[in-house]
C-alpha atoms as a PDB file:
ATOM      1  CA  UNK A   1      42.063 195.643 208.705  1.00  0.00           C
ATOM      2  CA  UNK A   2      41.551 199.602 208.410  1.00  0.00           C
ATOM      3  CA  UNK A   3      45.144 200.221 207.408  1.00  0.00           C
ATOM      4  CA  UNK A   4      44.696 197.919 204.820  1.00  0.00           C
ATOM      5  CA  UNK A   5      41.739 198.800 203.613  1.00  0.00           C
ATOM      6  CA  UNK A   6      43.148 202.484 203.145  1.00  0.00           C
ATOM      7  CA  UNK A   7      45.912 200.997 201.159  1.00  0.00           C
ATOM      8  CA  UNK A   8      43.904 199.673 198.728  1.00  0.00           C
ATOM      9  CA  UNK A   9      41.973 202.841 197.925  1.00  0.00           C
ATOM     10  CA  UNK A  10      45.335 204.435 197.647  1.00  0.00           C
ATOM     11  CA  UNK A  11      45.930 201.933 195.253  1.00  0.00           C
ATOM     12  CA  UNK A  12      43.183 202.409 193.108  1.00  0.00           C
ATOM     13  CA  UNK A  13      43.287 205.983 193.136  1.00  0.00           C
ATOM     14  CA  UNK A  14      46.885 206.034 191.778  1.00  0.00           C
ATOM     15  CA  UNK A  15      45.666 203.797 188.886  1.00  0.00           C
ATOM     16  CA  UNK A  16      42.779 205.941 188.450  1.00  0.00           C
ATOM     17  CA  UNK A  17      44.670 209.027 188.167  1.00  0.00           C
ATOM     18  CA  UNK A  18      47.408 207.461 186.371  1.00  0.00           C
ATOM     19  CA  UNK A  19      44.747 206.471 183.518  1.00  0.00           C
ATOM     20  CA  UNK A  20      43.089 209.805 183.774  1.00  0.00           C
ATOM     21  CA  UNK A  21      46.338 211.583 183.127  1.00  0.00           C
ATOM     22  CA  UNK A  22      47.628 209.013 180.340  1.00  0.00           C
ATOM     23  CA  UNK A  23      44.463 209.222 177.936  1.00  0.00           C
ATOM     24  CA  UNK A  24      44.668 213.345 177.591  1.00  0.00           C
ATOM     25  CA  UNK A  25      48.272 212.850 177.188  1.00  0.00           C
ATOM     26  CA  UNK A  26      48.317 210.016 174.324  1.00  0.00           C
ATOM     27  CA  UNK A  27      45.255 212.218 173.081  1.00  0.00           C
ATOM     28  CA  UNK A  28      47.481 215.160 172.776  1.00  0.00           C
ATOM     29  CA  UNK A  29      50.260 213.486 171.248  1.00  0.00           C
ATOM     30  CA  UNK A  30      48.207 212.219 168.765  1.00  0.00           C
ATOM     31  CA  UNK A  31      47.385 215.672 167.945  1.00  0.00           C
ATOM     32  CA  UNK A  32      50.769 216.679 167.724  1.00  0.00           C
ATOM     33  CA  UNK A  33      51.994 213.901 165.615  1.00  0.00           C
ATOM     34  CA  UNK A  34      49.525 213.186 162.916  1.00  0.00           C
ATOM     35  CA  UNK A  35      49.817 216.421 161.448  1.00  0.00           C
ATOM     36  CA  UNK A  36      53.512 216.189 161.259  1.00  0.00           C
ATOM     37  CA  UNK A  37      53.228 212.914 159.313  1.00  0.00           C
ATOM     38  CA  UNK A  38      50.339 214.529 157.079  1.00  0.00           C
ATOM     39  CA  UNK A  39      52.777 217.449 156.214  1.00  0.00           C
ATOM     40  CA  UNK A  40      55.344 214.579 154.523  1.00  0.00           C
ATOM     41  CA  UNK A  41      52.843 213.823 151.880  1.00  0.00           C
ATOM     42  CA  UNK A  42      53.465 216.785 149.513  1.00  0.00           C
ATOM     43  CA  UNK A  43      51.150 217.152 146.523  1.00  0.00           C
ATOM     44  CA  UNK A  44      52.629 216.568 142.945  1.00  0.00           C
ATOM     45  CA  UNK A  45      54.450 219.258 140.855  1.00  0.00           C
ATOM     46  CA  UNK A  46      52.189 220.033 138.121  1.00  0.00           C
ATOM     47  CA  UNK A  47      54.339 219.055 134.945  1.00  0.00           C
ATOM     48  CA  UNK A  48      51.908 220.295 132.290  1.00  0.00           C
ATOM     49  CA  UNK A  49      49.958 218.129 129.381  1.00  0.00           C
ATOM     50  CA  UNK A  50      50.421 217.171 126.241  1.00  0.00           C
ATOM     51  CA  UNK A  51      47.946 216.326 123.393  1.00  0.00           C
ATOM     52  CA  UNK A  52      48.241 215.513 119.517  1.00  0.00           C
ATOM     53  CA  UNK A  53      47.325 218.054 116.838  1.00  0.00           C
ATOM     54  CA  UNK A  54      46.898 217.462 113.174  1.00  0.00           C
ATOM     55  CA  UNK A  55      50.362 216.230 111.502  1.00  0.00           C
ATOM     56  CA  UNK A  56      52.077 218.402 109.031  1.00  0.00           C
ATOM     57  CA  UNK A  57      51.575 218.100 105.412  1.00  0.00           C
ATOM     58  CA  UNK A  58      55.327 217.045 104.826  1.00  0.00           C
ATOM     59  CA  UNK A  59      57.568 214.253 106.358  1.00  0.00           C
ATOM     60  CA  UNK A  60      60.573 215.788 107.376  1.00  0.00           C
ATOM     61  CA  UNK A  61      63.150 217.023 109.929  1.00  0.00           C
ATOM     62  CA  UNK A  62      65.596 219.744 110.425  1.00  0.00           C
ATOM     63  CA  UNK A  63      63.066 222.403 109.640  1.00  0.00           C
ATOM     64  CA  UNK A  64      62.686 225.852 111.195  1.00  0.00           C
ATOM     65  CA  UNK A  65      59.229 226.602 112.769  1.00  0.00           C
ATOM     66  CA  UNK A  66      58.031 230.245 114.163  1.00  0.00           C
ATOM     67  CA  UNK A  67      54.715 231.701 114.838  1.00  0.00           C
ATOM     68  CA  UNK A  68      53.459 234.856 113.175  1.00  0.00           C
ATOM     69  CA  UNK A  69      49.733 236.380 113.607  1.00  0.00           C
ATOM     70  CA  UNK A  70      48.635 233.147 115.513  1.00  0.00           C
ATOM     71  CA  UNK A  71      49.770 231.123 112.786  1.00  0.00           C
ATOM     72  CA  UNK A  72      52.641 228.672 112.263  1.00  0.00           C
ATOM     73  CA  UNK A  73      54.890 228.283 109.845  1.00  0.00           C
ATOM     74  CA  UNK A  74      57.359 225.080 109.225  1.00  0.00           C
ATOM     75  CA  UNK A  75      60.099 225.924 106.722  1.00  0.00           C
ATOM     76  CA  UNK A  76      62.917 223.710 104.871  1.00  0.00           C
ATOM     77  CA  UNK A  77      64.843 220.936 106.179  1.00  0.00           C
ATOM     78  CA  UNK A  78      64.918 217.569 104.808  1.00  0.00           C
ATOM     79  CA  UNK A  79      62.266 215.621 103.460  1.00  0.00           C
ATOM     80  CA  UNK A  80      61.937 211.640 103.478  1.00  0.00           C
ATOM     81  CA  UNK A  81      63.695 210.460 100.807  1.00  0.00           C
ATOM     82  CA  UNK A  82      61.905 209.470  97.266  1.00  0.00           C
ATOM     83  CA  UNK A  83      62.288 209.279  93.376  1.00  0.00           C
ATOM     84  CA  UNK A  84      60.719 212.809  93.546  1.00  0.00           C
ATOM     85  CA  UNK A  85      63.481 214.334  95.587  1.00  0.00           C
ATOM     86  CA  UNK A  86      66.890 212.197  94.577  1.00  0.00           C
ATOM     87  CA  UNK A  87      68.155 215.127  92.919  1.00  0.00           C
ATOM     88  CA  UNK A  88      68.382 217.598  95.086  1.00  0.00           C
ATOM     89  CA  UNK A  89      69.540 215.313  98.405  1.00  0.00           C
ATOM     90  CA  UNK A  90      65.879 215.585  99.676  1.00  0.00           C
ATOM     91  CA  UNK A  91      66.535 218.875 100.950  1.00  0.00           C
ATOM     92  CA  UNK A  92      63.470 221.165 100.854  1.00  0.00           C
ATOM     93  CA  UNK A  93      62.255 224.397 100.284  1.00  0.00           C
ATOM     94  CA  UNK A  94      58.689 223.677 101.179  1.00  0.00           C
ATOM     95  CA  UNK A  95      56.845 226.162 103.702  1.00  0.00           C
ATOM     96  CA  UNK A  96      53.532 225.166 105.648  1.00  0.00           C
ATOM     97  CA  UNK A  97      51.566 226.914 107.465  1.00  0.00           C
ATOM     98  CA  UNK A  98      49.443 225.472 110.641  1.00  0.00           C
ATOM     99  CA  UNK A  99      46.232 227.512 111.975  1.00  0.00           C
ATOM    100  CA  UNK A 100      45.943 225.963 115.754  1.00  0.00           C
ATOM    101  CA  UNK A 101      42.131 227.434 115.552  1.00  0.00           C
ATOM    102  CA  UNK A 102      41.210 225.015 112.823  1.00  0.00           C
ATOM    103  CA  UNK A 103      43.765 222.517 113.050  1.00  0.00           C
ATOM    104  CA  UNK A 104      44.466 222.707 109.559  1.00  0.00           C
ATOM    105  CA  UNK A 105      47.931 223.018 107.308  1.00  0.00           C
ATOM    106  CA  UNK A 106      48.012 225.227 104.264  1.00  0.00           C
ATOM    107  CA  UNK A 107      51.126 224.609 101.598  1.00  0.00           C
ATOM    108  CA  UNK A 108      52.582 228.082 100.898  1.00  0.00           C
ATOM    109  CA  UNK A 109      55.122 229.274  98.508  1.00  0.00           C
ATOM    110  CA  UNK A 110      58.475 227.616  98.983  1.00  0.00           C
ATOM    111  CA  UNK A 111      61.900 229.367  99.617  1.00  0.00           C
ATOM    112  CA  UNK A 112      63.720 230.676  96.718  1.00  0.00           C
ATOM    113  CA  UNK A 113      66.170 227.544  97.567  1.00  0.00           C
ATOM    114  CA  UNK A 114      66.176 224.409  99.701  1.00  0.00           C
ATOM    115  CA  UNK A 115      67.739 224.845 102.929  1.00  0.00           C
ATOM    116  CA  UNK A 116      68.457 222.564 106.182  1.00  0.00           C
ATOM    117  CA  UNK A 117      70.158 223.751 109.623  1.00  0.00           C
ATOM    118  CA  UNK A 118      68.488 227.296 109.450  1.00  0.00           C
ATOM    119  CA  UNK A 119      68.025 230.113 111.995  1.00  0.00           C
ATOM    120  CA  UNK A 120      64.512 231.543 111.963  1.00  0.00           C
ATOM    121  CA  UNK A 121      62.996 234.781 113.500  1.00  0.00           C
ATOM    122  CA  UNK A 122      59.962 236.936 113.303  1.00  0.00           C
ATOM    123  CA  UNK A 123      60.019 240.797 113.180  1.00  0.00           C
ATOM    124  CA  UNK A 124      57.855 243.186 111.900  1.00  0.00           C
ATOM    125  CA  UNK A 125      55.061 241.031 110.625  1.00  0.00           C
ATOM    126  CA  UNK A 126      57.704 239.038 108.182  1.00  0.00           C
ATOM    127  CA  UNK A 127      59.711 235.529 108.708  1.00  0.00           C
ATOM    128  CA  UNK A 128      63.572 235.590 108.396  1.00  0.00           C
ATOM    129  CA  UNK A 129      65.423 232.437 107.531  1.00  0.00           C
ATOM    130  CA  UNK A 130      68.964 232.996 108.094  1.00  0.00           C
ATOM    131  CA  UNK A 131      71.694 230.671 107.077  1.00  0.00           C
ATOM    132  CA  UNK A 132      71.802 227.073 106.990  1.00  0.00           C
ATOM    133  CA  UNK A 133      73.284 224.365 104.632  1.00  0.00           C
ATOM    134  CA  UNK A 134      72.337 223.762 101.094  1.00  0.00           C
ATOM    135  CA  UNK A 135      73.613 221.248  98.276  1.00  0.00           C
ATOM    136  CA  UNK A 136      77.176 221.743  96.421  1.00  0.00           C
ATOM    137  CA  UNK A 137      78.120 219.210  94.295  1.00  0.00           C
ATOM    138  CA  UNK A 138      77.526 216.001  95.992  1.00  0.00           C
ATOM    139  CA  UNK A 139      77.725 217.348  99.580  1.00  0.00           C
ATOM    140  CA  UNK A 140      74.413 218.515 101.240  1.00  0.00           C
ATOM    141  CA  UNK A 141      76.536 220.950 103.642  1.00  0.00           C
ATOM    142  CA  UNK A 142      77.785 223.689 101.911  1.00  0.00           C
ATOM    143  CA  UNK A 143      76.714 226.490 104.627  1.00  0.00           C
ATOM    144  CA  UNK A 144      75.528 229.919 103.382  1.00  0.00           C
ATOM    145  CA  UNK A 145      74.885 233.316 104.486  1.00  0.00           C
ATOM    146  CA  UNK A 146      71.895 234.239 102.636  1.00  0.00           C
ATOM    147  CA  UNK A 147      68.651 235.852 104.557  1.00  0.00           C
ATOM    148  CA  UNK A 148      65.393 235.172 103.232  1.00  0.00           C
ATOM    149  CA  UNK A 149      61.949 237.244 104.381  1.00  0.00           C
ATOM    150  CA  UNK A 150      58.852 235.871 103.980  1.00  0.00           C
ATOM    151  CA  UNK A 151      55.327 237.876 103.855  1.00  0.00           C
ATOM    152  CA  UNK A 152      52.605 236.060 104.679  1.00  0.00           C
ATOM    153  CA  UNK A 153      50.189 238.994 103.484  1.00  0.00           C
ATOM    154  CA  UNK A 154      51.549 238.548  99.773  1.00  0.00           C
ATOM    155  CA  UNK A 155      52.768 234.816 100.299  1.00  0.00           C
ATOM    156  CA  UNK A 156      55.915 236.179  98.637  1.00  0.00           C
ATOM    157  CA  UNK A 157      59.818 235.863  99.421  1.00  0.00           C
ATOM    158  CA  UNK A 158      62.683 238.318  99.095  1.00  0.00           C
ATOM    159  CA  UNK A 159      66.472 237.926  99.443  1.00  0.00           C
ATOM    160  CA  UNK A 160      68.090 240.250 102.200  1.00  0.00           C
ATOM    161  CA  UNK A 161      71.531 241.560 102.961  1.00  0.00           C
ATOM    162  CA  UNK A 162      73.399 238.323 103.525  1.00  0.00           C
ATOM    163  CA  UNK A 163      74.814 237.666 107.323  1.00  0.00           C
ATOM    164  CA  UNK A 164      78.909 238.358 107.588  1.00  0.00           C
ATOM    165  CA  UNK A 165      79.621 234.642 108.340  1.00  0.00           C
ATOM    166  CA  UNK A 166      78.409 231.598 106.592  1.00  0.00           C
ATOM    167  CA  UNK A 167      77.181 228.793 109.086  1.00  0.00           C
ATOM    168  CA  UNK A 168      74.520 226.302 109.530  1.00  0.00           C
ATOM    169  CA  UNK A 169      73.130 224.565 112.592  1.00  0.00           C
ATOM    170  CA  UNK A 170      72.811 228.240 114.344  1.00  0.00           C
ATOM    171  CA  UNK A 171      70.483 229.703 116.473  1.00  0.00           C
ATOM    172  CA  UNK A 172      68.452 232.966 116.157  1.00  0.00           C
ATOM    173  CA  UNK A 173      66.708 235.055 118.605  1.00  0.00           C
ATOM    174  CA  UNK A 174      64.555 238.398 118.326  1.00  0.00           C
ATOM    175  CA  UNK A 175      65.368 241.256 120.632  1.00  0.00           C
ATOM    176  CA  UNK A 176      64.059 244.718 120.494  1.00  0.00           C
ATOM    177  CA  UNK A 177      63.199 244.366 116.548  1.00  0.00           C
ATOM    178  CA  UNK A 178      66.736 242.796 115.735  1.00  0.00           C
ATOM    179  CA  UNK A 179      68.006 239.327 115.065  1.00  0.00           C
ATOM    180  CA  UNK A 180      70.476 237.975 116.824  1.00  0.00           C
ATOM    181  CA  UNK A 181      72.191 234.876 114.637  1.00  0.00           C
ATOM    182  CA  UNK A 182      74.244 233.175 117.113  1.00  0.00           C
ATOM    183  CA  UNK A 183      76.820 229.622 116.814  1.00  0.00           C
ATOM    184  CA  UNK A 184      76.686 227.325 114.482  1.00  0.00           C
ATOM    185  CA  UNK A 185      79.552 225.282 112.275  1.00  0.00           C
ATOM    186  CA  UNK A 186      80.896 225.970 108.968  1.00  0.00           C
ATOM    187  CA  UNK A 187      81.769 222.195 108.817  1.00  0.00           C
ATOM    188  CA  UNK A 188      85.232 222.763 109.800  1.00  0.00           C
ATOM    189  CA  UNK A 189      84.982 224.399 113.214  1.00  0.00           C
ATOM    190  CA  UNK A 190      82.652 225.622 115.602  1.00  0.00           C
ATOM    191  CA  UNK A 191      81.759 229.429 115.277  1.00  0.00           C
ATOM    192  CA  UNK A 192      81.506 231.859 118.011  1.00  0.00           C
ATOM    193  CA  UNK A 193      80.189 234.472 115.927  1.00  0.00           C
ATOM    194  CA  UNK A 194      77.074 236.809 117.158  1.00  0.00           C
ATOM    195  CA  UNK A 195      75.797 238.680 114.454  1.00  0.00           C
ATOM    196  CA  UNK A 196      72.744 240.870 114.682  1.00  0.00           C
ATOM    197  CA  UNK A 197      70.470 242.061 111.954  1.00  0.00           C
ATOM    198  CA  UNK A 198      68.435 245.022 111.416  1.00  0.00           C
ATOM    199  CA  UNK A 199      65.501 244.150 109.390  1.00  0.00           C
ATOM    200  CA  UNK A 200      64.805 248.024 108.939  1.00  0.00           C
ATOM    201  CA  UNK A 201      68.225 249.057 108.040  1.00  0.00           C
ATOM    202  CA  UNK A 202      68.757 245.717 106.256  1.00  0.00           C
ATOM    203  CA  UNK A 203      72.266 245.937 107.540  1.00  0.00           C
ATOM    204  CA  UNK A 204      74.300 243.647 110.245  1.00  0.00           C
ATOM    205  CA  UNK A 205      76.811 244.283 112.849  1.00  0.00           C
ATOM    206  CA  UNK A 206      78.938 242.068 114.949  1.00  0.00           C
ATOM    207  CA  UNK A 207      78.284 241.892 118.742  1.00  0.00           C
ATOM    208  CA  UNK A 208      80.648 239.979 121.431  1.00  0.00           C
ATOM    209  CA  UNK A 209      81.291 236.373 120.575  1.00  0.00           C
ATOM    210  CA  UNK A 210      79.241 233.590 122.282  1.00  0.00           C
ATOM    211  CA  UNK A 211      81.717 232.148 124.837  1.00  0.00           C
ATOM    212  CA  UNK A 212      81.474 228.706 124.478  1.00  0.00           C
ATOM    213  CA  UNK A 213      81.360 228.232 120.540  1.00  0.00           C
ATOM    214  CA  UNK A 214      79.095 225.327 119.589  1.00  0.00           C
ATOM    215  CA  UNK A 215      76.405 224.370 117.137  1.00  0.00           C
ATOM    216  CA  UNK A 216      72.687 222.468 117.373  1.00  0.00           C
ATOM    217  CA  UNK A 217      71.981 224.958 120.152  1.00  0.00           C
ATOM    218  CA  UNK A 218      69.000 226.682 121.218  1.00  0.00           C
ATOM    219  CA  UNK A 219      68.283 230.479 121.945  1.00  0.00           C
ATOM    220  CA  UNK A 220      65.619 232.498 123.462  1.00  0.00           C
ATOM    221  CA  UNK A 221      65.072 235.970 124.583  1.00  0.00           C
ATOM    222  CA  UNK A 222      63.810 236.632 128.280  1.00  0.00           C
ATOM    223  CA  UNK A 223      63.524 240.003 129.980  1.00  0.00           C
ATOM    224  CA  UNK A 224      65.755 241.621 127.603  1.00  0.00           C
ATOM    225  CA  UNK A 225      68.422 239.071 127.747  1.00  0.00           C
ATOM    226  CA  UNK A 226      69.498 236.103 125.103  1.00  0.00           C
ATOM    227  CA  UNK A 227      69.959 232.484 126.535  1.00  0.00           C
ATOM    228  CA  UNK A 228      72.179 230.471 124.613  1.00  0.00           C
ATOM    229  CA  UNK A 229      71.314 226.788 125.594  1.00  0.00           C
ATOM    230  CA  UNK A 230      72.806 223.127 124.847  1.00  0.00           C
ATOM    231  CA  UNK A 231      74.364 222.165 121.923  1.00  0.00           C
ATOM    232  CA  UNK A 232      77.390 220.044 120.594  1.00  0.00           C
ATOM    233  CA  UNK A 233      81.280 220.434 119.678  1.00  0.00           C
ATOM    234  CA  UNK A 234      81.926 220.455 115.853  1.00  0.00           C
ATOM    235  CA  UNK A 235      78.866 218.409 114.821  1.00  0.00           C
ATOM    236  CA  UNK A 236      79.413 215.672 117.049  1.00  0.00           C
ATOM    237  CA  UNK A 237      75.988 214.519 119.034  1.00  0.00           C
ATOM    238  CA  UNK A 238      78.700 212.094 121.060  1.00  0.00           C
ATOM    239  CA  UNK A 239      79.742 215.626 122.521  1.00  0.00           C
ATOM    240  CA  UNK A 240      76.805 217.307 123.864  1.00  0.00           C
ATOM    241  CA  UNK A 241      76.447 220.209 126.020  1.00  0.00           C
ATOM    242  CA  UNK A 242      74.949 221.319 128.974  1.00  0.00           C
ATOM    243  CA  UNK A 243      75.875 225.015 128.810  1.00  0.00           C
ATOM    244  CA  UNK A 244      73.733 227.909 129.902  1.00  0.00           C
ATOM    245  CA  UNK A 245      74.958 231.118 128.461  1.00  0.00           C
ATOM    246  CA  UNK A 246      73.321 234.587 129.142  1.00  0.00           C
ATOM    247  CA  UNK A 247      74.097 237.573 126.622  1.00  0.00           C
ATOM    248  CA  UNK A 248      73.224 241.036 127.866  1.00  0.00           C
ATOM    249  CA  UNK A 249      72.665 243.428 124.926  1.00  0.00           C
ATOM    250  CA  UNK A 250      72.831 246.686 127.093  1.00  0.00           C
ATOM    251  CA  UNK A 251      76.522 245.772 128.013  1.00  0.00           C
ATOM    252  CA  UNK A 252      77.798 243.499 125.501  1.00  0.00           C
ATOM    253  CA  UNK A 253      78.496 240.771 127.623  1.00  0.00           C
ATOM    254  CA  UNK A 254      77.989 237.015 128.326  1.00  0.00           C
ATOM    255  CA  UNK A 255      77.293 235.787 131.796  1.00  0.00           C
ATOM    256  CA  UNK A 256      77.457 231.573 132.742  1.00  0.00           C
ATOM    257  CA  UNK A 257      73.694 230.354 133.878  1.00  0.00           C
ATOM    258  CA  UNK A 258      72.817 227.470 135.514  1.00  0.00           C
ATOM    259  CA  UNK A 259      73.463 224.117 133.210  1.00  0.00           C
ATOM    260  CA  UNK A 260      70.666 222.487 131.194  1.00  0.00           C
ATOM    261  CA  UNK A 261      70.052 219.152 133.484  1.00  0.00           C
ATOM    262  CA  UNK A 262      70.322 217.215 130.339  1.00  0.00           C
ATOM    263  CA  UNK A 263      73.202 217.691 128.077  1.00  0.00           C
ATOM    264  CA  UNK A 264      71.992 217.627 124.664  1.00  0.00           C
ATOM    265  CA  UNK A 265      71.721 219.072 121.336  1.00  0.00           C
ATOM    266  CA  UNK A 266      69.405 219.189 117.984  1.00  0.00           C
ATOM    267  CA  UNK A 267      66.780 220.855 120.474  1.00  0.00           C
ATOM    268  CA  UNK A 268      64.088 223.299 120.202  1.00  0.00           C
ATOM    269  CA  UNK A 269      63.107 225.841 122.557  1.00  0.00           C
ATOM    270  CA  UNK A 270      59.933 228.423 123.451  1.00  0.00           C
ATOM    271  CA  UNK A 271      58.786 230.821 125.841  1.00  0.00           C
ATOM    272  CA  UNK A 272      55.622 231.051 127.615  1.00  0.00           C
ATOM    273  CA  UNK A 273      55.475 233.068 130.901  1.00  0.00           C
ATOM    274  CA  UNK A 274      59.147 233.892 130.983  1.00  0.00           C
ATOM    275  CA  UNK A 275      60.136 230.549 131.237  1.00  0.00           C
ATOM    276  CA  UNK A 276      62.018 228.905 128.521  1.00  0.00           C
ATOM    277  CA  UNK A 277      61.348 224.912 127.898  1.00  0.00           C
ATOM    278  CA  UNK A 278      63.835 223.019 126.097  1.00  0.00           C
ATOM    279  CA  UNK A 279      62.338 220.016 123.890  1.00  0.00           C
ATOM    280  CA  UNK A 280      64.054 216.859 122.488  1.00  0.00           C
ATOM    281  CA  UNK A 281      67.664 216.642 120.888  1.00  0.00           C
ATOM    282  CA  UNK A 282      69.915 213.548 120.028  1.00  0.00           C
ATOM    283  CA  UNK A 283      72.763 211.622 121.517  1.00  0.00           C
ATOM    284  CA  UNK A 284      74.630 208.593 120.980  1.00  0.00           C
ATOM    285  CA  UNK A 285      71.946 206.373 122.820  1.00  0.00           C
ATOM    286  CA  UNK A 286      68.944 207.297 120.964  1.00  0.00           C
ATOM    287  CA  UNK A 287      66.545 210.781 121.312  1.00  0.00           C
ATOM    288  CA  UNK A 288      65.828 212.670 124.214  1.00  0.00           C
ATOM    289  CA  UNK A 289      62.159 212.918 125.266  1.00  0.00           C
ATOM    290  CA  UNK A 290      63.192 215.365 127.922  1.00  0.00           C
ATOM    291  CA  UNK A 291      61.395 218.802 128.334  1.00  0.00           C
ATOM    292  CA  UNK A 292      62.983 220.956 130.936  1.00  0.00           C
ATOM    293  CA  UNK A 293      61.976 224.195 132.229  1.00  0.00           C
ATOM    294  CA  UNK A 294      64.535 227.383 133.091  1.00  0.00           C
ATOM    295  CA  UNK A 295      63.098 230.146 135.376  1.00  0.00           C
ATOM    296  CA  UNK A 296      65.455 233.181 134.566  1.00  0.00           C
ATOM    297  CA  UNK A 297      64.334 235.107 137.405  1.00  0.00           C
ATOM    298  CA  UNK A 298      65.705 232.098 139.645  1.00  0.00           C
ATOM    299  CA  UNK A 299      68.157 230.358 137.424  1.00  0.00           C
ATOM    300  CA  UNK A 300      66.832 227.314 138.588  1.00  0.00           C
ATOM    301  CA  UNK A 301      65.898 224.204 136.104  1.00  0.00           C
ATOM    302  CA  UNK A 302      62.661 222.121 136.595  1.00  0.00           C
ATOM    303  CA  UNK A 303      61.551 218.927 134.977  1.00  0.00           C
ATOM    304  CA  UNK A 304      58.412 218.723 133.325  1.00  0.00           C
ATOM    305  CA  UNK A 305      56.338 216.282 131.135  1.00  0.00           C
ATOM    306  CA  UNK A 306      58.495 214.229 129.133  1.00  0.00           C
ATOM    307  CA  UNK A 307      57.671 214.474 125.186  1.00  0.00           C
ATOM    308  CA  UNK A 308      55.283 211.770 123.743  1.00  0.00           C
ATOM    309  CA  UNK A 309      58.094 211.347 121.407  1.00  0.00           C
ATOM    310  CA  UNK A 310      61.752 211.571 121.722  1.00  0.00           C
ATOM    311  CA  UNK A 311      62.620 214.004 118.547  1.00  0.00           C
ATOM    312  CA  UNK A 312      65.885 215.906 117.109  1.00  0.00           C
ATOM    313  CA  UNK A 313      65.847 218.307 114.197  1.00  0.00           C
ATOM    314  CA  UNK A 314      62.162 219.528 115.378  1.00  0.00           C
ATOM    315  CA  UNK A 315      60.658 222.945 115.619  1.00  0.00           C
ATOM    316  CA  UNK A 316      58.459 224.828 118.427  1.00  0.00           C
ATOM    317  CA  UNK A 317      56.301 227.650 118.377  1.00  0.00           C
ATOM    318  CA  UNK A 318      53.940 229.385 120.940  1.00  0.00           C
ATOM    319  CA  UNK A 319      50.049 230.436 120.209  1.00  0.00           C
ATOM    320  CA  UNK A 320      47.911 231.122 123.143  1.00  0.00           C
ATOM    321  CA  UNK A 321      49.762 229.849 125.833  1.00  0.00           C
ATOM    322  CA  UNK A 322      50.735 226.488 124.052  1.00  0.00           C
ATOM    323  CA  UNK A 323      53.792 225.278 122.629  1.00  0.00           C
ATOM    324  CA  UNK A 324      53.394 223.409 119.232  1.00  0.00           C
ATOM    325  CA  UNK A 325      56.239 220.883 118.814  1.00  0.00           C
ATOM    326  CA  UNK A 326      56.895 220.001 115.351  1.00  0.00           C
ATOM    327  CA  UNK A 327      58.740 217.392 113.123  1.00  0.00           C
ATOM    328  CA  UNK A 328      61.669 216.147 113.564  1.00  0.00           C
ATOM    329  CA  UNK A 329      63.594 212.492 113.452  1.00  0.00           C
ATOM    330  CA  UNK A 330      62.529 210.159 116.036  1.00  0.00           C
ATOM    331  CA  UNK A 331      65.962 208.327 115.835  1.00  0.00           C
ATOM    332  CA  UNK A 332      69.162 209.972 115.604  1.00  0.00           C
ATOM    333  CA  UNK A 333      70.484 210.984 112.149  1.00  0.00           C
ATOM    334  CA  UNK A 334      68.537 210.651 108.982  1.00  0.00           C
ATOM    335  CA  UNK A 335      64.813 209.999 110.063  1.00  0.00           C
ATOM    336  CA  UNK A 336      61.886 211.640 109.527  1.00  0.00           C
ATOM    337  CA  UNK A 337      58.117 212.741 110.751  1.00  0.00           C
ATOM    338  CA  UNK A 338      54.774 214.798 110.845  1.00  0.00           C
ATOM    339  CA  UNK A 339      54.538 214.712 114.300  1.00  0.00           C
ATOM    340  CA  UNK A 340      52.688 217.791 115.916  1.00  0.00           C
ATOM    341  CA  UNK A 341      52.407 217.497 119.781  1.00  0.00           C
ATOM    342  CA  UNK A 342      50.970 220.184 121.861  1.00  0.00           C
ATOM    343  CA  UNK A 343      52.631 221.025 125.405  1.00  0.00           C
ATOM    344  CA  UNK A 344      50.597 223.126 127.787  1.00  0.00           C
ATOM    345  CA  UNK A 345      52.818 224.278 130.730  1.00  0.00           C
ATOM    346  CA  UNK A 346      51.361 224.897 134.038  1.00  0.00           C
ATOM    347  CA  UNK A 347      50.162 228.063 135.246  1.00  0.00           C
ATOM    348  CA  UNK A 348      52.428 230.543 136.783  1.00  0.00           C
END
């Protein structure tokens, strides 16, 4: 009997001991496992935000847009066709100024001639409109080499030394007080020309050609290097490109960078905080709402908040860290808008 009682007591002690050990063990396990599961829930990446600003005065597409003295200027392109512009095939010389502070538009002195698919740049307090296409007979696709300078202080235009190579659907970027006119299409073939305009001397000089000749591309300068992004081959948006190439003015050489994630053309770009934001474009399936950011420091792309309205032939400009994406066609080809959508990038 005594032996049976001792055996029973031992069994009871074993159960109690096991339970006493098991409970702390399970508690420790939970403490270890729960943080691991918690770490798998990542916070959402800030992709920026959009809002709508006052629409432009003129409904158009294939415009050029630039910012100067905290004002935004929209010039040229095609107006929505009507009886008032049928004789010039809706090509417009109109210049409009937008003040983000007051959210108001003002009409300014028109260009000397109607142009579309131009390049635009800002140097020394003036806007420079370079190249593009104009009307010739029954065609609206005559490439030109003209350069027109606009002075906001006097609301006047002046013609400057022409670009060596006539072309439209090119892109222009500023670097160290000069303007780089890159790529384009002369209606027969893509042009690889990279020609640099010095406004102070009113002269042009040739530089190393673009490795991938293309049109409807966009360019931007970051940290002293010019980035040429996207575009198409021989005016065909069925042959859109994702190519990103970088020009170093010091060495006069081009190099390849990470491809644009979405191949597209008829795009616009703007720079905020040494990052390049690429908006819109068109392709065979329609217009793009894509907004993709390139970080040159890491040679990496990131998807940002998509545009409220996909468009091509649009323009963009930055004032106080906000990107104003203006005008352009909501559908491929001949479509028009007065849209003025504003993107605020996330803080670095």
